[in-house]
Amino acid sequence: MTRPDGSAFVTSFSTDEFPVATRWILHNPDLSVSAFALPGTSRPEGFLAAKKAGTLIELEPGKTRSFTVPTGLKNADELKEAHS
């Protein structure tokens, strides 16, 4: 999500761990909103839709699972360097 000054909000994640991302964008006469990408394992339609799509992840009681999702802000120079 690029800002007017050339910097950008950046979120990175493994698409093996998170096969989908959701980003809400709202633009109407009253509001203009954009949000970070939210990585996920299913779309926001809910439990039954995720189960039907085969993207539901269930853990046994007491089990854990960890993910890394770096999120931050990069200035314009950092973005140019990353894309070269």
N, C-alpha and C. Protein backbone atom coordinates (compact mmCIF):
# COMPACT_ATOMS: atom_id res chain seq x y z
N MET A 1 0.86 -1.15 0.00
CA MET A 1 0.00 0.00 0.00
C MET A 1 0.91 1.23 0.00
N THR A 2 1.02 1.88 -1.14
CA THR A 2 1.94 3.01 -1.29
C THR A 2 1.31 4.30 -0.79
N ARG A 3 2.13 5.08 -0.11
CA ARG A 3 1.69 6.37 0.43
C ARG A 3 2.11 7.49 -0.53
N PRO A 4 1.50 8.66 -0.42
CA PRO A 4 1.84 9.78 -1.32
C PRO A 4 3.33 10.16 -1.31
N ASP A 5 4.03 9.95 -0.19
CA ASP A 5 5.45 10.32 -0.12
C ASP A 5 6.37 9.27 -0.73
N GLY A 6 5.80 8.18 -1.29
CA GLY A 6 6.61 7.13 -1.91
C GLY A 6 6.94 5.99 -0.99
N SER A 7 6.70 6.15 0.30
CA SER A 7 6.90 5.04 1.22
C SER A 7 5.70 4.09 1.10
N ALA A 8 5.80 2.93 1.72
CA ALA A 8 4.70 1.97 1.61
C ALA A 8 4.63 1.10 2.85
N PHE A 9 3.41 0.73 3.18
CA PHE A 9 3.19 -0.28 4.22
C PHE A 9 3.44 -1.64 3.56
N VAL A 10 4.16 -2.51 4.26
CA VAL A 10 4.53 -3.80 3.68
C VAL A 10 4.17 -4.92 4.66
N THR A 11 3.55 -5.95 4.15
CA THR A 11 3.27 -7.17 4.90
C THR A 11 3.76 -8.32 4.05
N SER A 12 4.55 -9.22 4.63
CA SER A 12 5.01 -10.37 3.86
C SER A 12 4.69 -11.64 4.65
N PHE A 13 4.44 -12.71 3.89
CA PHE A 13 4.09 -13.98 4.52
C PHE A 13 4.28 -15.10 3.51
N SER A 14 4.38 -16.31 4.01
CA SER A 14 4.53 -17.49 3.17
C SER A 14 3.16 -17.88 2.61
N THR A 15 3.06 -18.00 1.29
CA THR A 15 1.80 -18.43 0.70
C THR A 15 1.56 -19.93 0.92
N ASP A 16 2.58 -20.66 1.34
CA ASP A 16 2.37 -22.06 1.74
C ASP A 16 1.63 -22.11 3.07
N GLU A 17 1.97 -21.20 3.98
CA GLU A 17 1.30 -21.14 5.28
C GLU A 17 -0.04 -20.43 5.20
N PHE A 18 -0.10 -19.39 4.38
CA PHE A 18 -1.31 -18.58 4.24
C PHE A 18 -1.67 -18.49 2.75
N PRO A 19 -2.55 -19.35 2.27
CA PRO A 19 -2.85 -19.35 0.84
C PRO A 19 -3.72 -18.19 0.36
N VAL A 20 -4.30 -17.42 1.26
CA VAL A 20 -5.14 -16.29 0.85
C VAL A 20 -4.79 -15.06 1.67
N ALA A 21 -5.15 -13.91 1.13
CA ALA A 21 -5.02 -12.66 1.87
C ALA A 21 -6.28 -11.84 1.62
N THR A 22 -6.70 -11.14 2.65
CA THR A 22 -7.88 -10.30 2.54
C THR A 22 -7.46 -8.87 2.82
N ARG A 23 -7.96 -7.96 2.02
CA ARG A 23 -7.71 -6.54 2.26
C ARG A 23 -9.02 -5.79 2.04
N TRP A 24 -9.45 -5.10 3.05
CA TRP A 24 -10.69 -4.35 2.94
C TRP A 24 -10.39 -2.97 2.36
N ILE A 25 -11.17 -2.60 1.34
CA ILE A 25 -11.08 -1.28 0.75
C ILE A 25 -12.50 -0.73 0.70
N LEU A 26 -12.69 0.45 1.24
CA LEU A 26 -14.00 1.07 1.26
C LEU A 26 -13.87 2.48 0.74
N HIS A 27 -14.68 2.80 -0.24
CA HIS A 27 -14.66 4.15 -0.78
C HIS A 27 -16.09 4.55 -1.12
N ASN A 28 -16.59 5.54 -0.42
CA ASN A 28 -17.90 6.09 -0.71
C ASN A 28 -17.88 7.57 -0.32
N PRO A 29 -18.97 8.30 -0.48
CA PRO A 29 -18.93 9.73 -0.17
C PRO A 29 -18.55 10.07 1.28
N ASP A 30 -18.79 9.13 2.20
CA ASP A 30 -18.48 9.40 3.61
C ASP A 30 -17.12 8.89 4.06
N LEU A 31 -16.62 7.83 3.43
CA LEU A 31 -15.41 7.18 3.91
C LEU A 31 -14.47 6.81 2.77
N SER A 32 -13.20 6.83 3.08
CA SER A 32 -12.18 6.32 2.18
C SER A 32 -11.18 5.58 3.05
N VAL A 33 -11.24 4.27 3.03
CA VAL A 33 -10.45 3.44 3.95
C VAL A 33 -9.75 2.34 3.18
N SER A 34 -8.53 2.05 3.57
CA SER A 34 -7.78 0.93 3.04
C SER A 34 -7.07 0.28 4.21
N ALA A 35 -6.89 -1.02 4.15
CA ALA A 35 -6.30 -1.73 5.29
C ALA A 35 -5.13 -2.61 4.83
N PHE A 36 -4.29 -2.97 5.79
CA PHE A 36 -3.21 -3.91 5.52
C PHE A 36 -3.77 -5.21 4.97
N ALA A 37 -2.97 -5.93 4.23
CA ALA A 37 -3.34 -7.28 3.81
C ALA A 37 -3.32 -8.17 5.05
N LEU A 38 -4.36 -8.94 5.22
CA LEU A 38 -4.46 -9.84 6.36
C LEU A 38 -4.32 -11.27 5.85
N PRO A 39 -3.16 -11.90 6.09
CA PRO A 39 -2.97 -13.26 5.60
C PRO A 39 -3.89 -14.23 6.32
N GLY A 40 -4.33 -15.26 5.61
CA GLY A 40 -5.21 -16.24 6.23
C GLY A 40 -5.16 -17.58 5.55
N THR A 41 -5.86 -18.51 6.14
CA THR A 41 -5.94 -19.85 5.56
C THR A 41 -7.27 -20.06 4.84
N SER A 42 -8.18 -19.12 5.00
CA SER A 42 -9.46 -19.22 4.30
C SER A 42 -10.02 -17.82 4.08
N ARG A 43 -10.99 -17.73 3.25
CA ARG A 43 -11.66 -16.46 3.00
C ARG A 43 -12.60 -16.17 4.16
N PRO A 44 -13.08 -14.94 4.28
CA PRO A 44 -13.87 -14.57 5.45
C PRO A 44 -15.33 -15.07 5.44
N GLU A 45 -15.66 -16.02 4.55
CA GLU A 45 -17.03 -16.51 4.49
C GLU A 45 -17.43 -17.36 5.69
N GLY A 46 -16.45 -17.86 6.45
CA GLY A 46 -16.78 -18.60 7.67
C GLY A 46 -16.34 -20.06 7.67
N PHE A 47 -16.62 -20.70 8.80
CA PHE A 47 -16.19 -22.06 9.10
C PHE A 47 -16.65 -23.07 8.04
N LEU A 48 -17.93 -23.09 7.74
CA LEU A 48 -18.46 -24.09 6.81
C LEU A 48 -17.88 -23.92 5.41
N ALA A 49 -17.70 -22.68 4.97
CA ALA A 49 -17.11 -22.44 3.64
C ALA A 49 -15.66 -22.91 3.62
N ALA A 50 -14.92 -22.65 4.70
CA ALA A 50 -13.52 -23.10 4.77
C ALA A 50 -13.45 -24.63 4.78
N LYS A 51 -14.35 -25.25 5.52
CA LYS A 51 -14.38 -26.71 5.57
C LYS A 51 -14.67 -27.28 4.18
N LYS A 52 -15.65 -26.71 3.48
CA LYS A 52 -16.01 -27.16 2.14
C LYS A 52 -14.87 -26.95 1.15
N ALA A 53 -14.15 -25.85 1.29
CA ALA A 53 -13.03 -25.53 0.38
C ALA A 53 -11.77 -26.33 0.70
N GLY A 54 -11.75 -27.02 1.84
CA GLY A 54 -10.56 -27.79 2.21
C GLY A 54 -9.44 -26.95 2.78
N THR A 55 -9.75 -25.74 3.23
CA THR A 55 -8.71 -24.86 3.78
C THR A 55 -8.76 -24.77 5.30
N LEU A 56 -9.67 -25.48 5.92
CA LEU A 56 -9.81 -25.43 7.37
C LEU A 56 -8.63 -26.13 8.04
N ILE A 57 -8.03 -25.47 9.00
CA ILE A 57 -6.94 -26.05 9.77
C ILE A 57 -7.43 -26.22 11.21
N GLU A 58 -7.40 -27.43 11.71
CA GLU A 58 -7.81 -27.69 13.08
C GLU A 58 -6.62 -28.28 13.83
N LEU A 59 -6.44 -27.83 15.06
CA LEU A 59 -5.36 -28.34 15.91
C LEU A 59 -5.96 -29.14 17.05
N GLU A 60 -5.27 -30.19 17.42
CA GLU A 60 -5.67 -30.99 18.58
C GLU A 60 -5.52 -30.13 19.84
N PRO A 61 -6.31 -30.39 20.86
CA PRO A 61 -6.18 -29.64 22.12
C PRO A 61 -4.74 -29.67 22.63
N GLY A 62 -4.24 -28.52 23.04
CA GLY A 62 -2.88 -28.40 23.58
C GLY A 62 -1.79 -28.23 22.54
N LYS A 63 -2.12 -28.39 21.27
CA LYS A 63 -1.13 -28.23 20.20
C LYS A 63 -1.03 -26.75 19.81
N THR A 64 0.11 -26.37 19.28
CA THR A 64 0.31 -25.00 18.83
C THR A 64 0.85 -25.00 17.41
N ARG A 65 0.72 -23.86 16.78
CA ARG A 65 1.27 -23.66 15.45
C ARG A 65 1.72 -22.21 15.37
N SER A 66 2.90 -21.95 14.83
CA SER A 66 3.44 -20.59 14.78
C SER A 66 3.63 -20.14 13.34
N PHE A 67 3.45 -18.84 13.14
CA PHE A 67 3.63 -18.23 11.83
C PHE A 67 4.41 -16.93 12.01
N THR A 68 5.11 -16.53 10.97
CA THR A 68 5.83 -15.26 10.99
C THR A 68 5.23 -14.36 9.90
N VAL A 69 4.82 -13.16 10.32
CA VAL A 69 4.23 -12.20 9.39
C VAL A 69 4.85 -10.82 9.63
N PRO A 70 6.01 -10.55 8.99
CA PRO A 70 6.63 -9.23 9.15
C PRO A 70 5.74 -8.15 8.53
N THR A 71 5.50 -7.11 9.28
CA THR A 71 4.68 -5.99 8.83
C THR A 71 5.38 -4.70 9.22
N GLY A 72 5.40 -3.73 8.32
CA GLY A 72 6.06 -2.48 8.66
C GLY A 72 5.94 -1.44 7.57
N LEU A 73 6.83 -0.49 7.62
CA LEU A 73 6.85 0.62 6.69
C LEU A 73 8.23 0.70 6.04
N LYS A 74 8.28 0.81 4.71
CA LYS A 74 9.55 0.98 4.00
C LYS A 74 9.51 2.32 3.30
N ASN A 75 10.67 3.01 3.34
CA ASN A 75 10.72 4.29 2.63
C ASN A 75 10.93 4.04 1.13
N ALA A 76 10.82 5.09 0.34
CA ALA A 76 10.89 4.97 -1.12
C ALA A 76 12.20 4.34 -1.58
N ASP A 77 13.34 4.69 -0.96
CA ASP A 77 14.63 4.12 -1.34
C ASP A 77 14.67 2.62 -1.07
N GLU A 78 14.14 2.18 0.07
CA GLU A 78 14.11 0.76 0.39
C GLU A 78 13.26 -0.01 -0.62
N LEU A 79 12.17 0.58 -1.05
CA LEU A 79 11.31 -0.07 -2.03
C LEU A 79 12.00 -0.20 -3.38
N LYS A 80 12.70 0.86 -3.81
CA LYS A 80 13.44 0.81 -5.07
C LYS A 80 14.49 -0.29 -5.03
N GLU A 81 15.22 -0.37 -3.91
CA GLU A 81 16.25 -1.38 -3.74
C GLU A 81 15.67 -2.79 -3.76
N ALA A 82 14.52 -2.98 -3.12
CA ALA A 82 13.87 -4.29 -3.07
C ALA A 82 13.39 -4.74 -4.45
N HIS A 83 13.05 -3.81 -5.33
CA HIS A 83 12.51 -4.15 -6.64
C HIS A 83 13.55 -4.14 -7.73
N SER A 84 14.84 -3.91 -7.39
CA SER A 84 15.88 -3.90 -8.43
C SER A 84 16.65 -5.19 -8.44
